[in-house]
C-alpha atoms as a PDB file:
ATOM      1  CA  MET A   1       0.460  -1.039  26.205  1.00  0.00           C
ATOM      2  CA  SER A   2       3.122  -0.274  23.675  1.00  0.00           C
ATOM      3  CA  ARG A   3       4.942   2.977  24.419  1.00  0.00           C
ATOM      4  CA  ILE A   4       4.170   4.088  20.836  1.00  0.00           C
ATOM      5  CA  ALA A   5       0.407   3.174  21.119  1.00  0.00           C
ATOM      6  CA  ALA A   6       0.325   5.365  24.197  1.00  0.00           C
ATOM      7  CA  ILE A   7       0.843   8.319  22.071  1.00  0.00           C
ATOM      8  CA  SER A   8      -2.334   7.710  20.316  1.00  0.00           C
ATOM      9  CA  ARG A   9      -4.205   7.804  23.677  1.00  0.00           C
ATOM     10  CA  LEU A  10      -2.914  11.462  23.817  1.00  0.00           C
ATOM     11  CA  GLY A  11      -4.541  12.332  20.456  1.00  0.00           C
ATOM     12  CA  GLN A  12      -1.643  12.235  18.155  1.00  0.00           C
ATOM     13  CA  GLN A  13      -1.116   9.974  15.313  1.00  0.00           C
ATOM     14  CA  VAL A  14       2.130   8.244  14.665  1.00  0.00           C
ATOM     15  CA  TRP A  15       2.807   7.349  11.005  1.00  0.00           C
ATOM     16  CA  LEU A  16       5.707   5.233   9.731  1.00  0.00           C
ATOM     17  CA  ASP A  17       8.130   7.118   7.446  1.00  0.00           C
ATOM     18  CA  ASN A  18       8.860   4.159   5.319  1.00  0.00           C
ATOM     19  CA  LEU A  19       7.135   1.690   2.788  1.00  0.00           C
ATOM     20  CA  SER A  20       8.449  -1.325   1.101  1.00  0.00           C
ATOM     21  CA  ARG A  21       7.049  -4.670  -0.341  1.00  0.00           C
ATOM     22  CA  GLN A  22       8.826  -6.501   2.419  1.00  0.00           C
ATOM     23  CA  LEU A  23       7.003  -4.530   4.994  1.00  0.00           C
ATOM     24  CA  LEU A  24       3.646  -5.486   3.480  1.00  0.00           C
ATOM     25  CA  GLU A  25       4.437  -9.115   2.536  1.00  0.00           C
ATOM     26  CA  SER A  26       6.104  -9.991   5.794  1.00  0.00           C
ATOM     27  CA  GLY A  27       3.149  -8.780   7.919  1.00  0.00           C
ATOM     28  CA  GLU A  28       5.390  -6.497   9.866  1.00  0.00           C
ATOM     29  CA  LEU A  29       3.398  -3.262   8.971  1.00  0.00           C
ATOM     30  CA  ALA A  30       0.175  -5.082   9.936  1.00  0.00           C
ATOM     31  CA  ARG A  31       1.749  -6.095  13.189  1.00  0.00           C
ATOM     32  CA  TRP A  32       2.763  -2.390  13.868  1.00  0.00           C
ATOM     33  CA  ILE A  33      -0.593  -1.246  13.131  1.00  0.00           C
ATOM     34  CA  ALA A  34      -2.121  -3.805  15.588  1.00  0.00           C
ATOM     35  CA  ASP A  35       0.570  -3.429  18.279  1.00  0.00           C
ATOM     36  CA  ASP A  36       1.616   0.143  18.128  1.00  0.00           C
ATOM     37  CA  ALA A  37      -1.389   1.931  16.724  1.00  0.00           C
ATOM     38  CA  ILE A  38       0.630   3.211  13.701  1.00  0.00           C
ATOM     39  CA  ALA A  39      -1.883   5.168  11.764  1.00  0.00           C
ATOM     40  CA  GLY A  40      -0.389   5.889   8.446  1.00  0.00           C
ATOM     41  CA  VAL A  41       2.524   5.778   6.160  1.00  0.00           C
ATOM     42  CA  THR A  42       4.585   8.357   4.392  1.00  0.00           C
ATOM     43  CA  SER A  43       7.007   7.726   1.449  1.00  0.00           C
ATOM     44  CA  ASN A  44       9.502   9.770  -0.654  1.00  0.00           C
ATOM     45  CA  PRO A  45      11.912   9.134  -3.484  1.00  0.00           C
ATOM     46  CA  ALA A  46      14.721   8.388  -0.974  1.00  0.00           C
ATOM     47  CA  ILE A  47      12.544   5.726   0.674  1.00  0.00           C
ATOM     48  CA  PHE A  48      11.633   4.103  -2.573  1.00  0.00           C
ATOM     49  CA  TYR A  49      15.259   4.203  -3.759  1.00  0.00           C
ATOM     50  CA  LYS A  50      16.470   2.296  -0.755  1.00  0.00           C
ATOM     51  CA  ALA A  51      13.392  -0.103  -0.911  1.00  0.00           C
ATOM     52  CA  ILE A  52      13.852  -1.070  -4.537  1.00  0.00           C
ATOM     53  CA  ARG A  53      17.673  -1.387  -4.300  1.00  0.00           C
ATOM     54  CA  THR A  54      17.724  -3.535  -1.315  1.00  0.00           C
ATOM     55  CA  ASP A  55      14.356  -5.394  -1.094  1.00  0.00           C
ATOM     56  CA  ALA A  56      14.541  -8.724  -3.063  1.00  0.00           C
ATOM     57  CA  ALA A  57      10.760  -8.730  -3.285  1.00  0.00           C
ATOM     58  CA  TYR A  58      11.093  -6.220  -6.207  1.00  0.00           C
ATOM     59  CA  ALA A  59      13.646  -8.278  -8.174  1.00  0.00           C
ATOM     60  CA  GLU A  60      11.342 -10.276 -10.391  1.00  0.00           C
ATOM     61  CA  ALA A  61       8.947  -7.337 -11.270  1.00  0.00           C
ATOM     62  CA  LEU A  62      11.958  -5.013 -11.901  1.00  0.00           C
ATOM     63  CA  GLY A  63      13.514  -7.487 -14.249  1.00  0.00           C
ATOM     64  CA  LYS A  64      10.371  -7.690 -16.352  1.00  0.00           C
ATOM     65  CA  LEU A  65       9.795  -3.839 -16.350  1.00  0.00           C
ATOM     66  CA  LYS A  66      13.328  -3.208 -17.620  1.00  0.00           C
ATOM     67  CA  SER A  67      12.318  -4.966 -20.963  1.00  0.00           C
ATOM     68  CA  SER A  68       9.046  -2.882 -21.271  1.00  0.00           C
ATOM     69  CA  PRO A  69       8.688   0.139 -23.441  1.00  0.00           C
ATOM     70  CA  LEU A  70       7.646   2.214 -20.421  1.00  0.00           C
ATOM     71  CA  GLU A  71       9.762   5.383 -19.591  1.00  0.00           C
ATOM     72  CA  ALA A  72      11.724   5.216 -16.462  1.00  0.00           C
ATOM     73  CA  GLU A  73       9.324   7.139 -14.229  1.00  0.00           C
ATOM     74  CA  LEU A  74       6.306   5.035 -15.280  1.00  0.00           C
ATOM     75  CA  ARG A  75       8.339   1.928 -14.448  1.00  0.00           C
ATOM     76  CA  PHE A  76       9.101   3.205 -11.068  1.00  0.00           C
ATOM     77  CA  GLU A  77       5.325   3.888 -10.630  1.00  0.00           C
ATOM     78  CA  ALA A  78       4.483   0.404 -11.781  1.00  0.00           C
ATOM     79  CA  LEU A  79       6.734  -0.890  -9.035  1.00  0.00           C
ATOM     80  CA  ALA A  80       5.863   1.477  -6.286  1.00  0.00           C
ATOM     81  CA  LEU A  81       1.908   2.085  -6.810  1.00  0.00           C
ATOM     82  CA  PRO A  82       1.000  -1.434  -5.960  1.00  0.00           C
ATOM     83  CA  ASP A  83       2.691  -1.045  -2.621  1.00  0.00           C
ATOM     84  CA  VAL A  84       0.897   2.244  -1.887  1.00  0.00           C
ATOM     85  CA  GLN A  85      -2.407   0.623  -2.790  1.00  0.00           C
ATOM     86  CA  GLY A  86      -1.712  -2.425  -0.684  1.00  0.00           C
ATOM     87  CA  ALA A  87      -0.835  -0.043   2.228  1.00  0.00           C
ATOM     88  CA  CYS A  88      -4.075   1.889   1.691  1.00  0.00           C
ATOM     89  CA  ASP A  89      -6.043  -1.274   1.723  1.00  0.00           C
ATOM     90  CA  LEU A  90      -4.339  -2.317   5.077  1.00  0.00           C
ATOM     91  CA  PHE A  91      -5.146   1.062   6.624  1.00  0.00           C
ATOM     92  CA  LEU A  92      -8.641   1.143   5.084  1.00  0.00           C
ATOM     93  CA  PRO A  93     -10.421  -0.195   8.262  1.00  0.00           C
ATOM     94  CA  LEU A  94      -8.768   2.594  10.348  1.00  0.00           C
ATOM     95  CA  TYR A  95      -9.670   5.270   7.821  1.00  0.00           C
ATOM     96  CA  GLU A  96     -13.399   4.139   8.011  1.00  0.00           C
ATOM     97  CA  GLN A  97     -13.464   3.702  11.791  1.00  0.00           C
ATOM     98  CA  SER A  98     -11.829   7.210  12.330  1.00  0.00           C
ATOM     99  CA  GLY A  99     -14.413   8.765   9.879  1.00  0.00           C
ATOM    100  CA  GLY A 100     -11.716   9.674   7.438  1.00  0.00           C
ATOM    101  CA  ASN A 101      -9.298  11.232   9.965  1.00  0.00           C
ATOM    102  CA  ALA A 102      -6.473   8.584  10.020  1.00  0.00           C
ATOM    103  CA  GLY A 103      -5.123   5.706   7.966  1.00  0.00           C
ATOM    104  CA  PHE A 104      -3.556   7.684   5.153  1.00  0.00           C
ATOM    105  CA  VAL A 105      -0.660   6.512   2.706  1.00  0.00           C
ATOM    106  CA  SER A 106       1.352   9.308   1.048  1.00  0.00           C
ATOM    107  CA  PHE A 107       2.959   9.155  -2.337  1.00  0.00           C
ATOM    108  CA  GLU A 108       4.959  12.091  -3.866  1.00  0.00           C
ATOM    109  CA  VAL A 109       4.789  13.784  -7.205  1.00  0.00           C
ATOM    110  CA  SER A 110       8.157  13.897  -9.162  1.00  0.00           C
ATOM    111  CA  PRO A 111      10.497  16.361  -7.380  1.00  0.00           C
ATOM    112  CA  THR A 112      11.351  17.425 -10.849  1.00  0.00           C
ATOM    113  CA  LEU A 113       8.070  19.273 -10.998  1.00  0.00           C
ATOM    114  CA  ALA A 114       8.753  21.540  -7.999  1.00  0.00           C
ATOM    115  CA  ALA A 115       8.697  24.740 -10.148  1.00  0.00           C
ATOM    116  CA  ASP A 116       5.851  23.605 -12.358  1.00  0.00           C
ATOM    117  CA  THR A 117       2.341  24.440 -11.015  1.00  0.00           C
ATOM    118  CA  ALA A 118       0.482  22.850 -14.106  1.00  0.00           C
ATOM    119  CA  GLY A 119       2.746  19.784 -14.189  1.00  0.00           C
ATOM    120  CA  THR A 120       2.414  19.084 -10.403  1.00  0.00           C
ATOM    121  CA  LEU A 121      -1.371  19.443 -10.594  1.00  0.00           C
ATOM    122  CA  ALA A 122      -1.434  17.113 -13.609  1.00  0.00           C
ATOM    123  CA  ALA A 123       0.712  14.498 -11.905  1.00  0.00           C
ATOM    124  CA  ALA A 124      -1.323  14.851  -8.684  1.00  0.00           C
ATOM    125  CA  ARG A 125      -4.615  14.192 -10.611  1.00  0.00           C
ATOM    126  CA  ARG A 126      -3.068  11.336 -12.468  1.00  0.00           C
ATOM    127  CA  LEU A 127      -1.686   9.572  -9.317  1.00  0.00           C
ATOM    128  CA  TRP A 128      -4.832  10.186  -7.331  1.00  0.00           C
ATOM    129  CA  ALA A 129      -6.848   8.385 -10.136  1.00  0.00           C
ATOM    130  CA  GLU A 130      -4.287   5.590 -10.399  1.00  0.00           C
ATOM    131  CA  ILE A 131      -4.077   4.770  -6.734  1.00  0.00           C
ATOM    132  CA  GLY A 132      -7.790   4.875  -6.561  1.00  0.00           C
ATOM    133  CA  ARG A 133      -8.102   4.724  -2.842  1.00  0.00           C
ATOM    134  CA  PRO A 134      -9.926   7.280  -0.554  1.00  0.00           C
ATOM    135  CA  ASN A 135      -7.183   7.155   2.083  1.00  0.00           C
ATOM    136  CA  ALA A 136      -4.327   8.036  -0.336  1.00  0.00           C
ATOM    137  CA  MET A 137      -2.514  11.310  -0.024  1.00  0.00           C
ATOM    138  CA  ILE A 138      -0.589  12.996  -2.778  1.00  0.00           C
ATOM    139  CA  LYS A 139       2.583  14.726  -1.613  1.00  0.00           C
ATOM    140  CA  ILE A 140       3.216  18.126  -3.102  1.00  0.00           C
ATOM    141  CA  PRO A 141       6.087  20.422  -1.982  1.00  0.00           C
ATOM    142  CA  ALA A 142       5.545  23.782  -0.441  1.00  0.00           C
ATOM    143  CA  THR A 143       7.293  25.698  -3.102  1.00  0.00           C
ATOM    144  CA  PRO A 144       5.800  28.820  -4.727  1.00  0.00           C
ATOM    145  CA  ALA A 145       4.726  26.839  -7.726  1.00  0.00           C
ATOM    146  CA  GLY A 146       3.498  23.954  -5.384  1.00  0.00           C
ATOM    147  CA  LEU A 147       1.062  26.321  -3.556  1.00  0.00           C
ATOM    148  CA  GLY A 148      -1.140  26.898  -6.679  1.00  0.00           C
ATOM    149  CA  ALA A 149      -1.190  23.128  -7.307  1.00  0.00           C
ATOM    150  CA  ILE A 150      -2.149  22.476  -3.701  1.00  0.00           C
ATOM    151  CA  THR A 151      -5.123  24.872  -3.934  1.00  0.00           C
ATOM    152  CA  ALA A 152      -6.321  23.351  -7.196  1.00  0.00           C
ATOM    153  CA  ALA A 153      -5.786  19.699  -5.958  1.00  0.00           C
ATOM    154  CA  ILE A 154      -7.846  20.406  -2.727  1.00  0.00           C
ATOM    155  CA  ALA A 155     -10.554  21.950  -4.895  1.00  0.00           C
ATOM    156  CA  ASP A 156     -10.664  18.728  -6.912  1.00  0.00           C
ATOM    157  CA  GLY A 157     -11.082  16.786  -3.874  1.00  0.00           C
ATOM    158  CA  ILE A 158      -7.653  15.314  -3.631  1.00  0.00           C
ATOM    159  CA  ASN A 159      -6.157  14.619  -0.280  1.00  0.00           C
ATOM    160  CA  VAL A 160      -2.818  16.359  -0.051  1.00  0.00           C
ATOM    161  CA  ASN A 161       0.388  16.001   2.053  1.00  0.00           C
ATOM    162  CA  VAL A 162       2.261  19.185   1.756  1.00  0.00           C
ATOM    163  CA  THR A 163       5.918  18.407   2.103  1.00  0.00           C
ATOM    164  CA  LEU A 164       9.170  20.391   2.641  1.00  0.00           C
ATOM    165  CA  ILE A 165       7.806  22.987   4.972  1.00  0.00           C
ATOM    166  CA  PHE A 166      10.707  24.514   7.030  1.00  0.00           C
ATOM    167  CA  SER A 167       9.610  27.874   8.393  1.00  0.00           C
ATOM    168  CA  PRO A 168       6.665  29.838   9.871  1.00  0.00           C
ATOM    169  CA  GLY A 169       6.255  31.757   6.621  1.00  0.00           C
ATOM    170  CA  GLN A 170       6.193  28.657   4.421  1.00  0.00           C
ATOM    171  CA  LEU A 171       3.520  27.105   6.798  1.00  0.00           C
ATOM    172  CA  ALA A 172       1.337  30.281   6.535  1.00  0.00           C
ATOM    173  CA  ASP A 173       1.375  30.202   2.863  1.00  0.00           C
ATOM    174  CA  VAL A 174       0.521  26.439   2.808  1.00  0.00           C
ATOM    175  CA  GLN A 175      -2.339  26.981   5.262  1.00  0.00           C
ATOM    176  CA  GLN A 176      -3.630  29.738   3.049  1.00  0.00           C
ATOM    177  CA  ALA A 177      -3.345  27.617  -0.078  1.00  0.00           C
ATOM    178  CA  TYR A 178      -5.390  24.712   1.631  1.00  0.00           C
ATOM    179  CA  ARG A 179      -7.999  27.282   2.860  1.00  0.00           C
ATOM    180  CA  ALA A 180      -8.403  28.731  -0.720  1.00  0.00           C
ATOM    181  CA  GLY A 181      -8.855  25.189  -2.131  1.00  0.00           C
ATOM    182  CA  ILE A 182     -11.554  24.460   0.371  1.00  0.00           C
ATOM    183  CA  GLU A 183     -13.256  27.629  -0.100  1.00  0.00           C
ATOM    184  CA  GLN A 184     -13.287  27.163  -3.980  1.00  0.00           C
ATOM    185  CA  ARG A 185     -14.700  23.710  -3.618  1.00  0.00           C
ATOM    186  CA  PHE A 186     -17.371  24.808  -1.232  1.00  0.00           C
ATOM    187  CA  ALA A 187     -18.341  27.768  -3.525  1.00  0.00           C
ATOM    188  CA  ALA A 188     -18.743  25.156  -6.282  1.00  0.00           C
ATOM    189  CA  GLY A 189     -21.370  23.270  -4.173  1.00  0.00           C
ATOM    190  CA  LEU A 190     -19.053  20.334  -3.700  1.00  0.00           C
ATOM    191  CA  PRO A 191     -18.532  18.392  -0.368  1.00  0.00           C
ATOM    192  CA  VAL A 192     -15.676  19.378   1.770  1.00  0.00           C
ATOM    193  CA  ASP A 193     -16.186  17.357   4.914  1.00  0.00           C
ATOM    194  CA  ARG A 194     -13.987  14.393   3.852  1.00  0.00           C
ATOM    195  CA  ILE A 195     -11.043  16.316   2.376  1.00  0.00           C
ATOM    196  CA  ALA A 196      -7.839  15.579   4.305  1.00  0.00           C
ATOM    197  CA  SER A 197      -4.567  17.286   4.243  1.00  0.00           C
ATOM    198  CA  VAL A 198      -1.408  17.537   6.455  1.00  0.00           C
ATOM    199  CA  ALA A 199       1.180  20.163   6.392  1.00  0.00           C
ATOM    200  CA  SER A 200       4.525  18.455   6.980  1.00  0.00           C
ATOM    201  CA  VAL A 201       6.791  20.624   8.954  1.00  0.00           C
ATOM    202  CA  PHE A 202      10.419  19.443   8.917  1.00  0.00           C
ATOM    203  CA  ILE A 203      12.043  19.517  12.365  1.00  0.00           C
ATOM    204  CA  SER A 204      15.637  18.134  13.110  1.00  0.00           C
ATOM    205  CA  ARG A 205      17.163  19.755   9.854  1.00  0.00           C
ATOM    206  CA  LEU A 206      16.464  23.331  11.372  1.00  0.00           C
ATOM    207  CA  ASP A 207      18.684  22.481  14.354  1.00  0.00           C
ATOM    208  CA  SER A 208      21.286  20.956  12.369  1.00  0.00           C
ATOM    209  CA  LEU A 209      21.638  24.095  10.548  1.00  0.00           C
ATOM    210  CA  ILE A 210      21.194  26.776  13.226  1.00  0.00           C
ATOM    211  CA  ASP A 211      22.780  25.102  16.261  1.00  0.00           C
ATOM    212  CA  PRO A 212      26.460  25.872  15.237  1.00  0.00           C
ATOM    213  CA  LYS A 213      25.522  29.494  15.070  1.00  0.00           C
ATOM    214  CA  LEU A 214      24.022  29.578  18.599  1.00  0.00           C
ATOM    215  CA  PRO A 215      25.349  29.603  22.146  1.00  0.00           C
ATOM    216  CA  ALA A 216      25.243  26.357  23.841  1.00  0.00           C
ATOM    217  CA  GLU A 217      22.268  27.237  25.983  1.00  0.00           C
ATOM    218  CA  LEU A 218      20.097  27.790  22.902  1.00  0.00           C
ATOM    219  CA  GLN A 219      21.111  24.656  20.898  1.00  0.00           C
ATOM    220  CA  GLY A 220      18.607  21.887  20.265  1.00  0.00           C
ATOM    221  CA  ARG A 221      15.638  24.187  21.131  1.00  0.00           C
ATOM    222  CA  THR A 222      14.850  26.121  17.988  1.00  0.00           C
ATOM    223  CA  ALA A 223      12.916  23.427  15.957  1.00  0.00           C
ATOM    224  CA  ILE A 224      10.862  22.456  19.029  1.00  0.00           C
ATOM    225  CA  ALA A 225      10.091  26.154  19.770  1.00  0.00           C
ATOM    226  CA  MET A 226       8.907  26.700  16.076  1.00  0.00           C
ATOM    227  CA  ALA A 227       6.771  23.637  16.117  1.00  0.00           C
ATOM    228  CA  ARG A 228       5.092  24.569  19.455  1.00  0.00           C
ATOM    229  CA  GLN A 229       4.444  28.094  18.228  1.00  0.00           C
ATOM    230  CA  ALA A 230       2.924  26.646  14.959  1.00  0.00           C
ATOM    231  CA  TYR A 231       0.739  24.492  17.180  1.00  0.00           C
ATOM    232  CA  ALA A 232      -0.401  27.388  19.320  1.00  0.00           C
ATOM    233  CA  ASP A 233      -1.281  29.261  16.186  1.00  0.00           C
ATOM    234  CA  TRP A 234      -3.063  26.299  14.505  1.00  0.00           C
ATOM    235  CA  GLN A 235      -5.414  26.132  17.410  1.00  0.00           C
ATOM    236  CA  ASP A 236      -6.512  29.589  16.713  1.00  0.00           C
ATOM    237  CA  LEU A 237      -7.101  29.126  12.927  1.00  0.00           C
ATOM    238  CA  PRO A 238     -10.570  30.360  11.916  1.00  0.00           C
ATOM    239  CA  ALA A 239     -13.215  27.746  11.095  1.00  0.00           C
ATOM    240  CA  LEU A 240     -13.523  26.467   7.570  1.00  0.00           C
ATOM    241  CA  PRO A 241     -16.821  26.310   5.651  1.00  0.00           C
ATOM    242  CA  GLY A 242     -19.085  23.362   5.085  1.00  0.00           C
ATOM    243  CA  GLN A 243     -17.707  21.336   8.094  1.00  0.00           C
ATOM    244  CA  ALA A 244     -14.362  21.123   6.459  1.00  0.00           C
ATOM    245  CA  ARG A 245     -11.525  19.812   8.534  1.00  0.00           C
ATOM    246  CA  GLN A 246      -8.481  21.860   9.485  1.00  0.00           C
ATOM    247  CA  GLN A 247      -5.358  20.857   7.777  1.00  0.00           C
ATOM    248  CA  MET A 248      -3.350  18.797  10.361  1.00  0.00           C
ATOM    249  CA  LEU A 249       0.132  19.631  11.437  1.00  0.00           C
ATOM    250  CA  LEU A 250       2.652  16.800  10.718  1.00  0.00           C
ATOM    251  CA  TRP A 251       6.019  16.714  12.302  1.00  0.00           C
ATOM    252  CA  ALA A 252       8.628  15.278   9.607  1.00  0.00           C
ATOM    253  CA  SER A 253      12.300  14.681   9.944  1.00  0.00           C
ATOM    254  CA  THR A 254      11.999  13.707  13.577  1.00  0.00           C
ATOM    255  CA  SER A 255      15.070  11.419  13.897  1.00  0.00           C
ATOM    256  CA  SER A 256      17.704  13.032  15.960  1.00  0.00           C
ATOM    257  CA  LYS A 257      20.654  14.139  13.683  1.00  0.00           C
ATOM    258  CA  ASN A 258      22.915  15.226  16.642  1.00  0.00           C
ATOM    259  CA  PRO A 259      24.213  12.070  18.603  1.00  0.00           C
ATOM    260  CA  ASN A 260      24.415  14.208  21.590  1.00  0.00           C
ATOM    261  CA  TYR A 261      20.670  14.623  21.793  1.00  0.00           C
ATOM    262  CA  ARG A 262      18.290  12.090  23.075  1.00  0.00           C
ATOM    263  CA  ASP A 263      17.402   9.796  20.215  1.00  0.00           C
ATOM    264  CA  VAL A 264      13.547  10.306  20.723  1.00  0.00           C
ATOM    265  CA  LEU A 265      13.747  14.080  21.400  1.00  0.00           C
ATOM    266  CA  TYR A 266      11.641  15.131  18.540  1.00  0.00           C
ATOM    267  CA  VAL A 267       9.007  12.618  19.268  1.00  0.00           C
ATOM    268  CA  GLU A 268       8.783  13.134  23.034  1.00  0.00           C
ATOM    269  CA  GLN A 269       8.860  16.963  22.852  1.00  0.00           C
ATOM    270  CA  LEU A 270       6.163  17.327  20.087  1.00  0.00           C
ATOM    271  CA  ILE A 271       3.246  15.122  21.273  1.00  0.00           C
ATOM    272  CA  GLY A 272      -0.039  17.059  21.122  1.00  0.00           C
ATOM    273  CA  ALA A 273      -3.594  16.245  20.111  1.00  0.00           C
ATOM    274  CA  GLY A 274      -4.758  16.627  16.510  1.00  0.00           C
ATOM    275  CA  THR A 275      -1.244  16.338  15.205  1.00  0.00           C
ATOM    276  CA  VAL A 276       0.820  13.670  13.334  1.00  0.00           C
ATOM    277  CA  ASN A 277       4.443  12.589  13.837  1.00  0.00           C
ATOM    278  CA  THR A 278       5.883  10.523  11.017  1.00  0.00           C
ATOM    279  CA  VAL A 279       8.768   8.385  12.339  1.00  0.00           C
ATOM    280  CA  PRO A 280      11.453   6.429  10.649  1.00  0.00           C
ATOM    281  CA  ASP A 281      12.127   2.792  11.637  1.00  0.00           C
ATOM    282  CA  ALA A 282      15.036   3.368  13.908  1.00  0.00           C
ATOM    283  CA  THR A 283      13.376   6.113  15.836  1.00  0.00           C
ATOM    284  CA  LEU A 284      10.314   4.174  16.142  1.00  0.00           C
ATOM    285  CA  ALA A 285      12.266   1.202  17.633  1.00  0.00           C
ATOM    286  CA  ALA A 286      13.998   3.613  20.026  1.00  0.00           C
ATOM    287  CA  PHE A 287      10.704   4.964  21.181  1.00  0.00           C
ATOM    288  CA  ARG A 288       9.228   1.553  21.598  1.00  0.00           C
ATOM    289  CA  ASP A 289      12.223   0.691  23.736  1.00  0.00           C
ATOM    290  CA  HIS A 290      12.453   3.770  26.013  1.00  0.00           C
ATOM    291  CA  GLY A 291      10.187   6.677  24.927  1.00  0.00           C
ATOM    292  CA  GLU A 292       7.950   8.496  27.279  1.00  0.00           C
ATOM    293  CA  ALA A 293       4.404   9.372  26.072  1.00  0.00           C
ATOM    294  CA  LEU A 294       3.464  12.673  27.676  1.00  0.00           C
ATOM    295  CA  ALA A 295       1.351  15.545  26.078  1.00  0.00           C
ATOM    296  CA  THR A 296       4.398  18.118  25.643  1.00  0.00           C
ATOM    297  CA  LEU A 297       3.467  20.181  22.525  1.00  0.00           C
ATOM    298  CA  ALA A 298       1.613  22.913  24.498  1.00  0.00           C
ATOM    299  CA  ASP A 299       4.200  22.970  27.275  1.00  0.00           C
ATOM    300  CA  ASP A 300       6.478  25.782  28.247  1.00  0.00           C
ATOM    301  CA  SER A 301       4.954  28.631  26.179  1.00  0.00           C
ATOM    302  CA  GLU A 302       7.253  31.206  27.939  1.00  0.00           C
ATOM    303  CA  GLY A 303      10.379  29.079  26.976  1.00  0.00           C
ATOM    304  CA  THR A 304       9.025  28.888  23.359  1.00  0.00           C
ATOM    305  CA  ALA A 305       8.736  32.777  23.151  1.00  0.00           C
ATOM    306  CA  HIS A 306      12.164  33.191  24.847  1.00  0.00           C
ATOM    307  CA  GLN A 307      13.743  30.850  22.302  1.00  0.00           C
ATOM    308  CA  LEU A 308      12.252  32.439  19.325  1.00  0.00           C
ATOM    309  CA  ALA A 309      13.016  35.971  20.562  1.00  0.00           C
ATOM    310  CA  ALA A 310      16.696  35.081  21.546  1.00  0.00           C
ATOM    311  CA  ILE A 311      17.435  33.657  18.103  1.00  0.00           C
ATOM    312  CA  ALA A 312      15.682  36.643  16.294  1.00  0.00           C
ATOM    313  CA  ALA A 313      17.947  39.012  18.510  1.00  0.00           C
ATOM    314  CA  LEU A 314      20.986  37.195  17.295  1.00  0.00           C
ATOM    315  CA  GLY A 315      19.961  38.036  13.758  1.00  0.00           C
ATOM    316  CA  HIS A 316      18.635  34.712  12.636  1.00  0.00           C
ATOM    317  CA  ASP A 317      15.508  34.897  10.411  1.00  0.00           C
ATOM    318  CA  LEU A 318      13.667  31.550  10.371  1.00  0.00           C
ATOM    319  CA  ASP A 319      11.958  32.326   7.019  1.00  0.00           C
ATOM    320  CA  VAL A 320      15.393  33.063   5.466  1.00  0.00           C
ATOM    321  CA  ILE A 321      16.721  29.803   6.907  1.00  0.00           C
ATOM    322  CA  GLY A 322      13.545  28.002   5.749  1.00  0.00           C
ATOM    323  CA  GLU A 323      14.245  28.978   2.134  1.00  0.00           C
ATOM    324  CA  GLU A 324      17.813  27.591   2.441  1.00  0.00           C
ATOM    325  CA  LEU A 325      16.505  24.281   3.948  1.00  0.00           C
ATOM    326  CA  GLN A 326      13.896  23.955   1.307  1.00  0.00           C
ATOM    327  CA  THR A 327      16.415  24.418  -1.446  1.00  0.00           C
ATOM    328  CA  ALA A 328      18.623  21.720   0.133  1.00  0.00           C
ATOM    329  CA  GLY A 329      15.707  19.433   0.506  1.00  0.00           C
ATOM    330  CA  LEU A 330      14.492  19.711  -3.146  1.00  0.00           C
ATOM    331  CA  LYS A 331      18.053  18.927  -4.147  1.00  0.00           C
ATOM    332  CA  GLN A 332      18.244  15.971  -2.111  1.00  0.00           C
ATOM    333  CA  PHE A 333      14.941  14.559  -3.355  1.00  0.00           C
ATOM    334  CA  ASP A 334      15.823  15.375  -6.923  1.00  0.00           C
ATOM    335  CA  GLU A 335      19.202  13.412  -6.476  1.00  0.00           C
ATOM    336  CA  ALA A 336      17.344  10.543  -4.906  1.00  0.00           C
ATOM    337  CA  PHE A 337      14.774  10.526  -7.706  1.00  0.00           C
ATOM    338  CA  ALA A 338      17.592  10.553 -10.365  1.00  0.00           C
ATOM    339  CA  LYS A 339      19.211   7.518  -8.743  1.00  0.00           C
ATOM    340  CA  LEU A 340      15.791   5.711  -8.480  1.00  0.00           C
ATOM    341  CA  LEU A 341      15.217   6.163 -12.081  1.00  0.00           C
ATOM    342  CA  ASP A 342      18.526   4.821 -12.785  1.00  0.00           C
ATOM    343  CA  LEU A 343      17.561   1.643 -10.919  1.00  0.00           C
ATOM    344  CA  VAL A 344      14.650   0.907 -13.224  1.00  0.00           C
ATOM    345  CA  ARG A 345      16.329   1.836 -16.569  1.00  0.00           C
END
């Protein structure tokens, strides 16, 4: 059995953090689904910027679009949404076999809308309708403005991938926004049992920021401890009405940024049933080669408590750090989106 597929036997889904026309047309994504049990795909502006800039499969369509009257954002969507639809179709058998629990493909609203609740909701509704697939997920950032859009989108019956979560406080706000959307939809007499959502908690960037401020014995442990505490808390969330599903935890940014750390550290240490890990190609290849699939997410509760207490005692507030990281993440996505639109102008 593939080392990656072995993770699925432990109840965790592995999603690919990449999407391009070449992955679809070459059959590579289909092979990874068959061989490695890849159970979904995530995308973002940086991923599509790289794909459109380097993948020759876009060249002909891009040339035609540049002479069209469409504005730049719609030109980008005209290139990217067929790939999202194609990936959704590829994952549709898994989506159906899993009862709507796996096989999702995520596409993000414009990062320029991060402070605009109404604009984010309008974009989510438009993209959901245009993609037209039950296993699509619309990515919305966990900003204060995004939270209201998340609630309204869930109440509309739109699957949502909430991105750019960096702290316990942000995660709690996202979980409440999801619950509010489910409760509104249920109160309106609408079905809630097939609504799907993930809360994407970013991992490695936390260690990259906080490690230089910590003694050596505490380095490389904070993000794992935060995720493990989030998992313990998630298991105690109260039930939702109408057989609605709990919002799944998704571990994002799980490539090791520190070359001194094991390259599959944030995959191996965060394997747990009912969760998702979205993994870039290089980390996927590394795990395929030498990763160890063991259920680790619920391990070492005492160590988790010790790590979180130790960093708090040193004066580090994860919620304050999370705000800094989210701001930086939004800036990174804004810059990638601007470069992406320049490509299609």
